Full PDB file with SEQRES, HELIX, SHEET, SSBOND, CRYST1, ORIGX, SCALE, CONECT and MASTER records, all heavy atoms in Angstrom:
SEQRES   1 A   32  VAL GLU GLU ILE LYS ALA THR ASP ALA SER PRO GLN GLU          
SEQRES   2 A   32  MET GLY LYS ALA ILE ALA LEU ARG VAL GLU GLN ILE SER          
SEQRES   3 A   32  ASP TYR LEU ASP LYS ALA                                      
HELIX    1 AA1 GLU A    2  LYS A    5  1                                   4    
HELIX    2 AA2 PRO A   11  ASP A   30  1                                  20    
CRYST1    1.000    1.000    1.000  90.00  90.00  90.00 P 1           1          
ORIGX1      1.000000  0.000000  0.000000        0.00000                         
ORIGX2      0.000000  1.000000  0.000000        0.00000                         
ORIGX3      0.000000  0.000000  1.000000        0.00000                         
SCALE1      1.000000  0.000000  0.000000        0.00000                         
SCALE2      0.000000  1.000000  0.000000        0.00000                         
SCALE3      0.000000  0.000000  1.000000        0.00000                         
ATOM      1  N   VAL A   1       0.836  -1.205   0.000  1.00  0.00           N  
ATOM      2  CA  VAL A   1       0.000   0.000   0.000  1.00  0.00           C  
ATOM      3  C   VAL A   1       0.865   1.246   0.000  1.00  0.00           C  
ATOM      4  O   VAL A   1       0.611   2.221  -0.745  1.00  0.00           O  
ATOM      5  CB  VAL A   1      -0.954  -0.011   1.213  1.00  0.00           C  
ATOM      6  CG1 VAL A   1      -1.646   1.351   1.358  1.00  0.00           C  
ATOM      7  CG2 VAL A   1      -1.993  -1.113   1.059  1.00  0.00           C  
ATOM      8  N   GLU A   2       1.899   1.265   0.831  1.00  0.00           N  
ATOM      9  CA  GLU A   2       2.781   2.436   0.906  1.00  0.00           C  
ATOM     10  C   GLU A   2       3.497   2.679  -0.415  1.00  0.00           C  
ATOM     11  O   GLU A   2       3.635   3.821  -0.858  1.00  0.00           O  
ATOM     12  CB  GLU A   2       3.801   2.234   2.037  1.00  0.00           C  
ATOM     13  CG  GLU A   2       3.173   2.291   3.429  1.00  0.00           C  
ATOM     14  CD  GLU A   2       4.164   1.963   4.527  1.00  0.00           C  
ATOM     15  OE1 GLU A   2       5.313   1.580   4.183  1.00  0.00           O  
ATOM     16  OE2 GLU A   2       3.795   2.070   5.707  1.00  0.00           O  
ATOM     17  N   GLU A   3       3.958   1.608  -1.052  1.00  0.00           N  
ATOM     18  CA  GLU A   3       4.661   1.762  -2.329  1.00  0.00           C  
ATOM     19  C   GLU A   3       3.733   2.284  -3.418  1.00  0.00           C  
ATOM     20  O   GLU A   3       4.119   3.164  -4.219  1.00  0.00           O  
ATOM     21  CB  GLU A   3       5.252   0.411  -2.750  1.00  0.00           C  
ATOM     22  CG  GLU A   3       6.430  -0.033  -1.903  1.00  0.00           C  
ATOM     23  CD  GLU A   3       6.916  -1.419  -2.279  1.00  0.00           C  
ATOM     24  OE1 GLU A   3       6.264  -2.042  -3.159  1.00  0.00           O  
ATOM     25  OE2 GLU A   3       7.931  -1.872  -1.731  1.00  0.00           O  
ATOM     26  N   ILE A   4       2.513   1.781  -3.469  1.00  0.00           N  
ATOM     27  CA  ILE A   4       1.572   2.188  -4.515  1.00  0.00           C  
ATOM     28  C   ILE A   4       1.087   3.623  -4.278  1.00  0.00           C  
ATOM     29  O   ILE A   4       0.932   4.416  -5.218  1.00  0.00           O  
ATOM     30  CB  ILE A   4       0.392   1.203  -4.578  1.00  0.00           C  
ATOM     31  CG1 ILE A   4       0.891  -0.160  -5.079  1.00  0.00           C  
ATOM     32  CG2 ILE A   4      -0.710   1.726  -5.491  1.00  0.00           C  
ATOM     33  CD1 ILE A   4      -0.123  -1.268  -4.965  1.00  0.00           C  
ATOM     34  N   LYS A   5       0.880   3.976  -3.000  1.00  0.00           N  
ATOM     35  CA  LYS A   5       0.443   5.353  -2.695  1.00  0.00           C  
ATOM     36  C   LYS A   5       1.514   6.375  -3.021  1.00  0.00           C  
ATOM     37  O   LYS A   5       1.215   7.556  -3.234  1.00  0.00           O  
ATOM     38  CB  LYS A   5       0.049   5.451  -1.227  1.00  0.00           C  
ATOM     39  CG  LYS A   5      -1.304   4.858  -0.908  1.00  0.00           C  
ATOM     40  CD  LYS A   5      -1.699   5.110   0.537  1.00  0.00           C  
ATOM     41  CE  LYS A   5      -3.112   4.639   0.816  1.00  0.00           C  
ATOM     42  NZ  LYS A   5      -3.506   4.882   2.231  1.00  0.00           N  
ATOM     43  N   ALA A   6       2.750   5.928  -3.028  1.00  0.00           N  
ATOM     44  CA  ALA A   6       3.860   6.853  -3.328  1.00  0.00           C  
ATOM     45  C   ALA A   6       3.968   7.163  -4.813  1.00  0.00           C  
ATOM     46  O   ALA A   6       4.758   8.027  -5.216  1.00  0.00           O  
ATOM     47  CB  ALA A   6       5.173   6.261  -2.823  1.00  0.00           C  
ATOM     48  N   THR A   7       3.198   6.483  -5.657  1.00  0.00           N  
ATOM     49  CA  THR A   7       3.235   6.730  -7.095  1.00  0.00           C  
ATOM     50  C   THR A   7       2.282   7.865  -7.451  1.00  0.00           C  
ATOM     51  O   THR A   7       1.528   8.370  -6.610  1.00  0.00           O  
ATOM     52  CB  THR A   7       2.827   5.461  -7.868  1.00  0.00           C  
ATOM     53  OG1 THR A   7       1.449   5.182  -7.601  1.00  0.00           O  
ATOM     54  CG2 THR A   7       3.675   4.267  -7.420  1.00  0.00           C  
ATOM     55  N   ASP A   8       2.311   8.251  -8.737  1.00  0.00           N  
ATOM     56  CA  ASP A   8       1.436   9.331  -9.218  1.00  0.00           C  
ATOM     57  C   ASP A   8       0.148   8.789  -9.826  1.00  0.00           C  
ATOM     58  O   ASP A   8      -0.568   9.511 -10.512  1.00  0.00           O  
ATOM     59  CB  ASP A   8       2.178  10.163 -10.286  1.00  0.00           C  
ATOM     60  CG  ASP A   8       3.387  10.890  -9.705  1.00  0.00           C  
ATOM     61  OD1 ASP A   8       3.324  11.243  -8.508  1.00  0.00           O  
ATOM     62  OD2 ASP A   8       4.369  11.078 -10.438  1.00  0.00           O  
ATOM     63  N   ALA A   9      -0.163   7.509  -9.526  1.00  0.00           N  
ATOM     64  CA  ALA A   9      -1.352   6.900 -10.111  1.00  0.00           C  
ATOM     65  C   ALA A   9      -2.614   7.531  -9.544  1.00  0.00           C  
ATOM     66  O   ALA A   9      -2.621   8.069  -8.419  1.00  0.00           O  
ATOM     67  CB  ALA A   9      -1.357   5.396  -9.836  1.00  0.00           C  
ATOM     68  N   SER A  10      -3.690   7.448 -10.325  1.00  0.00           N  
ATOM     69  CA  SER A  10      -4.982   7.952  -9.878  1.00  0.00           C  
ATOM     70  C   SER A  10      -5.539   7.026  -8.802  1.00  0.00           C  
ATOM     71  O   SER A  10      -5.109   5.886  -8.672  1.00  0.00           O  
ATOM     72  CB  SER A  10      -5.948   8.006 -11.063  1.00  0.00           C  
ATOM     73  OG  SER A  10      -6.246   6.694 -11.508  1.00  0.00           O  
ATOM     74  N   PRO A  11      -6.514   7.526  -8.004  1.00  0.00           N  
ATOM     75  CA  PRO A  11      -7.116   6.670  -6.979  1.00  0.00           C  
ATOM     76  C   PRO A  11      -7.662   5.362  -7.548  1.00  0.00           C  
ATOM     77  O   PRO A  11      -7.539   4.308  -6.920  1.00  0.00           O  
ATOM     78  CB  PRO A  11      -8.229   7.548  -6.408  1.00  0.00           C  
ATOM     79  CG  PRO A  11      -7.725   8.941  -6.611  1.00  0.00           C  
ATOM     80  CD  PRO A  11      -7.002   8.914  -7.923  1.00  0.00           C  
ATOM     81  N   GLN A  12      -8.262   5.431  -8.740  1.00  0.00           N  
ATOM     82  CA  GLN A  12      -8.807   4.224  -9.342  1.00  0.00           C  
ATOM     83  C   GLN A  12      -7.692   3.248  -9.704  1.00  0.00           C  
ATOM     84  O   GLN A  12      -7.795   2.039  -9.457  1.00  0.00           O  
ATOM     85  CB  GLN A  12      -9.615   4.576 -10.591  1.00  0.00           C  
ATOM     86  CG  GLN A  12     -10.312   3.368 -11.216  1.00  0.00           C  
ATOM     87  CD  GLN A  12     -11.163   3.770 -12.416  1.00  0.00           C  
ATOM     88  OE1 GLN A  12     -11.132   4.921 -12.872  1.00  0.00           O  
ATOM     89  NE2 GLN A  12     -11.930   2.821 -12.930  1.00  0.00           N  
ATOM     90  N   GLU A  13      -6.612   3.760 -10.272  1.00  0.00           N  
ATOM     91  CA  GLU A  13      -5.484   2.904 -10.643  1.00  0.00           C  
ATOM     92  C   GLU A  13      -4.812   2.320  -9.391  1.00  0.00           C  
ATOM     93  O   GLU A  13      -4.364   1.175  -9.391  1.00  0.00           O  
ATOM     94  CB  GLU A  13      -4.471   3.714 -11.458  1.00  0.00           C  
ATOM     95  CG  GLU A  13      -4.974   4.082 -12.850  1.00  0.00           C  
ATOM     96  CD  GLU A  13      -4.019   5.022 -13.568  1.00  0.00           C  
ATOM     97  OE1 GLU A  13      -3.284   5.755 -12.849  1.00  0.00           O  
ATOM     98  OE2 GLU A  13      -4.005   5.037 -14.805  1.00  0.00           O  
ATOM     99  N   MET A  14      -4.756   3.155  -8.325  1.00  0.00           N  
ATOM    100  CA  MET A  14      -4.179   2.665  -7.064  1.00  0.00           C  
ATOM    101  C   MET A  14      -4.987   1.499  -6.503  1.00  0.00           C  
ATOM    102  O   MET A  14      -4.434   0.502  -6.023  1.00  0.00           O  
ATOM    103  CB  MET A  14      -4.125   3.793  -6.031  1.00  0.00           C  
ATOM    104  CG  MET A  14      -3.021   4.797  -6.246  1.00  0.00           C  
ATOM    105  SD  MET A  14      -2.944   5.982  -4.884  1.00  0.00           S  
ATOM    106  CE  MET A  14      -1.636   7.086  -5.478  1.00  0.00           C  
ATOM    107  N   GLY A  15      -6.300   1.629  -6.571  1.00  0.00           N  
ATOM    108  CA  GLY A  15      -7.164   0.570  -6.063  1.00  0.00           C  
ATOM    109  C   GLY A  15      -6.935  -0.730  -6.799  1.00  0.00           C  
ATOM    110  O   GLY A  15      -6.846  -1.813  -6.194  1.00  0.00           O  
ATOM    111  N   LYS A  16      -6.847  -0.637  -8.142  1.00  0.00           N  
ATOM    112  CA  LYS A  16      -6.596  -1.833  -8.939  1.00  0.00           C  
ATOM    113  C   LYS A  16      -5.222  -2.418  -8.635  1.00  0.00           C  
ATOM    114  O   LYS A  16      -5.059  -3.644  -8.529  1.00  0.00           O  
ATOM    115  CB  LYS A  16      -6.700  -1.492 -10.429  1.00  0.00           C  
ATOM    116  CG  LYS A  16      -8.111  -1.188 -10.903  1.00  0.00           C  
ATOM    117  CD  LYS A  16      -8.120  -0.899 -12.401  1.00  0.00           C  
ATOM    118  CE  LYS A  16      -9.533  -0.605 -12.895  1.00  0.00           C  
ATOM    119  NZ  LYS A  16      -9.548  -0.314 -14.358  1.00  0.00           N  
ATOM    120  N   ALA A  17      -4.223  -1.543  -8.482  1.00  0.00           N  
ATOM    121  CA  ALA A  17      -2.859  -2.015  -8.217  1.00  0.00           C  
ATOM    122  C   ALA A  17      -2.765  -2.695  -6.848  1.00  0.00           C  
ATOM    123  O   ALA A  17      -2.101  -3.723  -6.696  1.00  0.00           O  
ATOM    124  CB  ALA A  17      -1.888  -0.840  -8.296  1.00  0.00           C  
ATOM    125  N   ILE A  18      -3.447  -2.108  -5.872  1.00  0.00           N  
ATOM    126  CA  ILE A  18      -3.423  -2.702  -4.523  1.00  0.00           C  
ATOM    127  C   ILE A  18      -4.105  -4.069  -4.536  1.00  0.00           C  
ATOM    128  O   ILE A  18      -3.610  -5.037  -3.945  1.00  0.00           O  
ATOM    129  CB  ILE A  18      -4.096  -1.760  -3.511  1.00  0.00           C  
ATOM    130  CG1 ILE A  18      -3.212  -0.522  -3.268  1.00  0.00           C  
ATOM    131  CG2 ILE A  18      -4.355  -2.484  -2.183  1.00  0.00           C  
ATOM    132  CD1 ILE A  18      -3.866   0.555  -2.436  1.00  0.00           C  
ATOM    133  N   ALA A  19      -5.250  -4.165  -5.207  1.00  0.00           N  
ATOM    134  CA  ALA A  19      -5.971  -5.434  -5.291  1.00  0.00           C  
ATOM    135  C   ALA A  19      -5.103  -6.504  -5.951  1.00  0.00           C  
ATOM    136  O   ALA A  19      -5.067  -7.664  -5.514  1.00  0.00           O  
ATOM    137  CB  ALA A  19      -7.276  -5.253  -6.062  1.00  0.00           C  
ATOM    138  N   LEU A  20      -4.388  -6.088  -7.035  1.00  0.00           N  
ATOM    139  CA  LEU A  20      -3.520  -7.032  -7.724  1.00  0.00           C  
ATOM    140  C   LEU A  20      -2.376  -7.485  -6.815  1.00  0.00           C  
ATOM    141  O   LEU A  20      -2.057  -8.688  -6.747  1.00  0.00           O  
ATOM    142  CB  LEU A  20      -2.952  -6.391  -8.990  1.00  0.00           C  
ATOM    143  CG  LEU A  20      -1.961  -7.256  -9.799  1.00  0.00           C  
ATOM    144  CD1 LEU A  20      -2.639  -8.556 -10.271  1.00  0.00           C  
ATOM    145  CD2 LEU A  20      -1.422  -6.466 -10.997  1.00  0.00           C  
ATOM    146  N   ARG A  21      -1.757  -6.537  -6.079  1.00  0.00           N  
ATOM    147  CA  ARG A  21      -0.655  -6.890  -5.200  1.00  0.00           C  
ATOM    148  C   ARG A  21      -1.121  -7.794  -4.058  1.00  0.00           C  
ATOM    149  O   ARG A  21      -0.412  -8.723  -3.652  1.00  0.00           O  
ATOM    150  CB  ARG A  21      -0.014  -5.621  -4.625  1.00  0.00           C  
ATOM    151  CG  ARG A  21       0.818  -4.847  -5.633  1.00  0.00           C  
ATOM    152  CD  ARG A  21       2.137  -5.557  -5.945  1.00  0.00           C  
ATOM    153  NE  ARG A  21       3.021  -5.559  -4.804  1.00  0.00           N  
ATOM    154  CZ  ARG A  21       3.801  -4.533  -4.477  1.00  0.00           C  
ATOM    155  NH1 ARG A  21       3.789  -3.412  -5.207  1.00  0.00           N  
ATOM    156  NH2 ARG A  21       4.599  -4.623  -3.420  1.00  0.00           N  
ATOM    157  N   VAL A  22      -2.307  -7.524  -3.521  1.00  0.00           N  
ATOM    158  CA  VAL A  22      -2.850  -8.370  -2.450  1.00  0.00           C  
ATOM    159  C   VAL A  22      -3.029  -9.795  -2.950  1.00  0.00           C  
ATOM    160  O   VAL A  22      -2.704 -10.770  -2.246  1.00  0.00           O  
ATOM    161  CB  VAL A  22      -4.193  -7.798  -1.941  1.00  0.00           C  
ATOM    162  CG1 VAL A  22      -4.930  -8.836  -1.095  1.00  0.00           C  
ATOM    163  CG2 VAL A  22      -3.947  -6.532  -1.132  1.00  0.00           C  
ATOM    164  N   GLU A  23      -3.526  -9.937  -4.172  1.00  0.00           N  
ATOM    165  CA  GLU A  23      -3.704 -11.267  -4.757  1.00  0.00           C  
ATOM    166  C   GLU A  23      -2.352 -11.950  -4.956  1.00  0.00           C  
ATOM    167  O   GLU A  23      -2.204 -13.151  -4.678  1.00  0.00           O  
ATOM    168  CB  GLU A  23      -4.437 -11.155  -6.089  1.00  0.00           C  
ATOM    169  CG  GLU A  23      -4.734 -12.500  -6.731  1.00  0.00           C  
ATOM    170  CD  GLU A  23      -5.523 -12.364  -8.029  1.00  0.00           C  
ATOM    171  OE1 GLU A  23      -5.961 -11.245  -8.353  1.00  0.00           O  
ATOM    172  OE2 GLU A  23      -5.670 -13.394  -8.720  1.00  0.00           O  
ATOM    173  N   GLN A  24      -1.364 -11.187  -5.415  1.00  0.00           N  
ATOM    174  CA  GLN A  24      -0.024 -11.749  -5.619  1.00  0.00           C  
ATOM    175  C   GLN A  24       0.602 -12.179  -4.290  1.00  0.00           C  
ATOM    176  O   GLN A  24       1.266 -13.212  -4.213  1.00  0.00           O  
ATOM    177  CB  GLN A  24       0.865 -10.722  -6.324  1.00  0.00           C  
ATOM    178  CG  GLN A  24       0.468 -10.452  -7.769  1.00  0.00           C  
ATOM    179  CD  GLN A  24       1.235  -9.290  -8.372  1.00  0.00           C  
ATOM    180  OE1 GLN A  24       1.764  -8.423  -7.661  1.00  0.00           O  
ATOM    181  NE2 GLN A  24       1.307  -9.255  -9.704  1.00  0.00           N  
ATOM    182  N   ILE A  25       0.384 -11.373  -3.262  1.00  0.00           N  
ATOM    183  CA  ILE A  25       0.909 -11.714  -1.933  1.00  0.00           C  
ATOM    184  C   ILE A  25       0.267 -12.993  -1.412  1.00  0.00           C  
ATOM    185  O   ILE A  25       0.940 -13.865  -0.851  1.00  0.00           O  
ATOM    186  CB  ILE A  25       0.677 -10.546  -0.949  1.00  0.00           C  
ATOM    187  CG1 ILE A  25       1.597  -9.367  -1.310  1.00  0.00           C  
ATOM    188  CG2 ILE A  25       0.914 -10.991   0.503  1.00  0.00           C  
ATOM    189  CD1 ILE A  25       1.250  -8.072  -0.602  1.00  0.00           C  
ATOM    190  N   SER A  26      -1.041 -13.124  -1.612  1.00  0.00           N  
ATOM    191  CA  SER A  26      -1.742 -14.333  -1.182  1.00  0.00           C  
ATOM    192  C   SER A  26      -1.197 -15.562  -1.901  1.00  0.00           C  
ATOM    193  O   SER A  26      -0.967 -16.607  -1.287  1.00  0.00           O  
ATOM    194  CB  SER A  26      -3.243 -14.202  -1.442  1.00  0.00           C  
ATOM    195  OG  SER A  26      -3.800 -13.190  -0.633  1.00  0.00           O  
ATOM    196  N   ASP A  27      -0.990 -15.441  -3.216  1.00  0.00           N  
ATOM    197  CA  ASP A  27      -0.438 -16.556  -3.984  1.00  0.00           C  
ATOM    198  C   ASP A  27       0.954 -16.915  -3.486  1.00  0.00           C  
ATOM    199  O   ASP A  27       1.306 -18.101  -3.364  1.00  0.00           O  
ATOM    200  CB  ASP A  27      -0.386 -16.206  -5.473  1.00  0.00           C  
ATOM    201  CG  ASP A  27      -1.769 -16.116  -6.106  1.00  0.00           C  
ATOM    202  OD1 ASP A  27      -2.725 -16.655  -5.512  1.00  0.00           O  
ATOM    203  OD2 ASP A  27      -1.889 -15.503  -7.180  1.00  0.00           O  
ATOM    204  N   TYR A  28       1.753 -15.891  -3.199  1.00  0.00           N  
ATOM    205  CA  TYR A  28       3.116 -16.119  -2.713  1.00  0.00           C  
ATOM    206  C   TYR A  28       3.110 -16.843  -1.369  1.00  0.00           C  
ATOM    207  O   TYR A  28       3.853 -17.816  -1.162  1.00  0.00           O  
ATOM    208  CB  TYR A  28       3.828 -14.766  -2.588  1.00  0.00           C  
ATOM    209  CG  TYR A  28       5.103 -14.812  -1.784  1.00  0.00           C  
ATOM    210  CD1 TYR A  28       6.268 -15.363  -2.311  1.00  0.00           C  
ATOM    211  CD2 TYR A  28       5.138 -14.306  -0.485  1.00  0.00           C  
ATOM    212  CE1 TYR A  28       7.441 -15.403  -1.562  1.00  0.00           C  
ATOM    213  CE2 TYR A  28       6.303 -14.353   0.278  1.00  0.00           C  
ATOM    214  CZ  TYR A  28       7.451 -14.904  -0.281  1.00  0.00           C  
ATOM    215  OH  TYR A  28       8.600 -14.952   0.467  1.00  0.00           O  
ATOM    216  N   LEU A  29       2.258 -16.384  -0.459  1.00  0.00           N  
ATOM    217  CA  LEU A  29       2.198 -17.010   0.867  1.00  0.00           C  
ATOM    218  C   LEU A  29       1.601 -18.415   0.798  1.00  0.00           C  
ATOM    219  O   LEU A  29       2.028 -19.309   1.540  1.00  0.00           O  
ATOM    220  CB  LEU A  29       1.369 -16.137   1.814  1.00  0.00           C  
ATOM    221  CG  LEU A  29       2.008 -14.797   2.207  1.00  0.00           C  
ATOM    222  CD1 LEU A  29       1.014 -13.950   3.000  1.00  0.00           C  
ATOM    223  CD2 LEU A  29       3.276 -15.018   3.016  1.00  0.00           C  
ATOM    224  N   ASP A  30       0.631 -18.604  -0.095  1.00  0.00           N  
ATOM    225  CA  ASP A  30      -0.005 -19.913  -0.198  1.00  0.00           C  
ATOM    226  C   ASP A  30       0.958 -20.994  -0.697  1.00  0.00           C  
ATOM    227  O   ASP A  30       0.770 -22.177  -0.407  1.00  0.00           O  
ATOM    228  CB  ASP A  30      -1.221 -19.849  -1.129  1.00  0.00           C  
ATOM    229  CG  ASP A  30      -2.389 -19.131  -0.484  1.00  0.00           C  
ATOM    230  OD1 ASP A  30      -2.326 -18.877   0.741  1.00  0.00           O  
ATOM    231  OD2 ASP A  30      -3.356 -18.796  -1.199  1.00  0.00           O  
ATOM    232  N   LYS A  31       1.995 -20.580  -1.435  1.00  0.00           N  
ATOM    233  CA  LYS A  31       2.977 -21.559  -1.908  1.00  0.00           C  
ATOM    234  C   LYS A  31       3.715 -22.216  -0.746  1.00  0.00           C  
ATOM    235  O   LYS A  31       4.181 -23.346  -0.857  1.00  0.00           O  
ATOM    236  CB  LYS A  31       3.967 -20.897  -2.868  1.00  0.00           C  
ATOM    237  CG  LYS A  31       3.378 -20.509  -4.203  1.00  0.00           C  
ATOM    238  CD  LYS A  31       4.435 -19.973  -5.146  1.00  0.00           C  
ATOM    239  CE  LYS A  31       3.833 -19.511  -6.453  1.00  0.00           C  
ATOM    240  NZ  LYS A  31       3.053 -20.545  -7.149  1.00  0.00           N  
ATOM    241  N   ALA A  32       3.806 -21.507   0.387  1.00  0.00           N  
ATOM    242  CA  ALA A  32       4.469 -22.071   1.560  1.00  0.00           C  
ATOM    243  C   ALA A  32       3.652 -23.204   2.172  1.00  0.00           C  
ATOM    244  O   ALA A  32       4.181 -23.999   2.956  1.00  0.00           O  
ATOM    245  CB  ALA A  32       4.708 -20.984   2.604  1.00  0.00           C  
TER     246      ALA A  32                                                      
MASTER        0    0    0    2    0    0    0    6  245    1    0    3          
END                                                                             
């Protein structure tokens, strides 16, 4: 969230980026 908020993306783009990163994090953790 901190990394994405630090960008110049619009609120809508930030929301999509955060959702994508959350999904990627879940996939990464689930591999364990």
